[in-house]
């Protein structure tokens, strides 16, 4: 079934699903960034970098 023959309710449902998936992916991106930042900070500390020199705002 092509998009032009899809009933409006199905199009709305697809739009809603797409929006929800985009939100989930954005959240995952944010969590991945946080995890990588924390991991980098821990690795730097483990490798002898003084914790006071690690920028926590990133």
C-alpha atoms as a PDB file:
ATOM      1  CA  UNK A   1       0.000   0.000   0.000  1.00  0.00           C
ATOM      2  CA  UNK A   2       1.483   3.344  -0.987  1.00  0.00           C
ATOM      3  CA  UNK A   3       1.365   6.395   1.226  1.00  0.00           C
ATOM      4  CA  UNK A   4      -1.161   8.080  -1.089  1.00  0.00           C
ATOM      5  CA  UNK A   5      -3.686   5.261  -0.544  1.00  0.00           C
ATOM      6  CA  UNK A   6      -3.072   4.984   3.209  1.00  0.00           C
ATOM      7  CA  UNK A   7      -5.997   6.210   5.337  1.00  0.00           C
ATOM      8  CA  UNK A   8      -5.393   9.358   7.368  1.00  0.00           C
ATOM      9  CA  UNK A   9      -5.545   7.460  10.667  1.00  0.00           C
ATOM     10  CA  UNK A  10      -2.705   5.183   9.520  1.00  0.00           C
ATOM     11  CA  UNK A  11      -0.644   8.184   8.419  1.00  0.00           C
ATOM     12  CA  UNK A  12      -1.231   9.816  11.811  1.00  0.00           C
ATOM     13  CA  UNK A  13      -0.220   6.596  13.590  1.00  0.00           C
ATOM     14  CA  UNK A  14       2.938   6.372  11.488  1.00  0.00           C
ATOM     15  CA  UNK A  15       3.781  10.025  12.177  1.00  0.00           C
ATOM     16  CA  UNK A  16       3.326   9.413  15.905  1.00  0.00           C
ATOM     17  CA  UNK A  17       5.515   6.296  15.774  1.00  0.00           C
ATOM     18  CA  UNK A  18       8.219   8.155  13.850  1.00  0.00           C
ATOM     19  CA  UNK A  19       8.170  11.015  16.372  1.00  0.00           C
ATOM     20  CA  UNK A  20       8.458   8.577  19.297  1.00  0.00           C
ATOM     21  CA  UNK A  21      11.340   6.747  17.642  1.00  0.00           C
ATOM     22  CA  UNK A  22      13.154  10.019  16.997  1.00  0.00           C
ATOM     23  CA  UNK A  23      12.752  10.940  20.687  1.00  0.00           C
ATOM     24  CA  UNK A  24      14.107   7.561  21.772  1.00  0.00           C
ATOM     25  CA  UNK A  25      17.101   7.902  19.470  1.00  0.00           C
ATOM     26  CA  UNK A  26      17.803  11.418  20.778  1.00  0.00           C
ATOM     27  CA  UNK A  27      17.695  10.100  24.354  1.00  0.00           C
ATOM     28  CA  UNK A  28      20.009   7.231  23.413  1.00  0.00           C
ATOM     29  CA  UNK A  29      22.442   9.671  21.815  1.00  0.00           C
ATOM     30  CA  UNK A  30      22.455  11.728  25.002  1.00  0.00           C
ATOM     31  CA  UNK A  31      22.959   8.690  27.214  1.00  0.00           C
ATOM     32  CA  UNK A  32      25.739   7.398  24.970  1.00  0.00           C
ATOM     33  CA  UNK A  33      27.487  10.765  25.167  1.00  0.00           C
ATOM     34  CA  UNK A  34      27.173  10.787  28.969  1.00  0.00           C
ATOM     35  CA  UNK A  35      28.495   7.241  29.229  1.00  0.00           C
ATOM     36  CA  UNK A  36      31.489   7.976  26.997  1.00  0.00           C
ATOM     37  CA  UNK A  37      32.272  11.131  28.966  1.00  0.00           C
ATOM     38  CA  UNK A  38      32.127   9.286  32.294  1.00  0.00           C
ATOM     39  CA  UNK A  39      34.213   6.427  30.920  1.00  0.00           C
ATOM     40  CA  UNK A  40      36.842   8.854  29.589  1.00  0.00           C
ATOM     41  CA  UNK A  41      36.952  10.606  32.971  1.00  0.00           C
ATOM     42  CA  UNK A  42      37.440   7.288  34.811  1.00  0.00           C
ATOM     43  CA  UNK A  43      40.129   6.157  32.359  1.00  0.00           C
ATOM     44  CA  UNK A  44      41.966   9.465  32.720  1.00  0.00           C
ATOM     45  CA  UNK A  45      41.832   9.208  36.496  1.00  0.00           C
ATOM     46  CA  UNK A  46      43.047   5.606  36.322  1.00  0.00           C
ATOM     47  CA  UNK A  47      45.944   6.719  34.095  1.00  0.00           C
ATOM     48  CA  UNK A  48      47.064   9.258  36.666  1.00  0.00           C
ATOM     49  CA  UNK A  49      45.325  12.435  35.543  1.00  0.00           C
ATOM     50  CA  UNK A  50      44.434  14.465  38.614  1.00  0.00           C
ATOM     51  CA  UNK A  51      40.639  14.553  38.916  1.00  0.00           C
ATOM     52  CA  UNK A  52      40.752  18.317  39.484  1.00  0.00           C
ATOM     53  CA  UNK A  53      42.060  18.765  35.918  1.00  0.00           C
ATOM     54  CA  UNK A  54      39.236  16.815  34.308  1.00  0.00           C
ATOM     55  CA  UNK A  55      36.585  19.129  32.844  1.00  0.00           C
ATOM     56  CA  UNK A  56      33.237  17.785  34.093  1.00  0.00           C
ATOM     57  CA  UNK A  57      31.149  20.230  32.074  1.00  0.00           C
ATOM     58  CA  UNK A  58      31.555  18.154  28.916  1.00  0.00           C
END
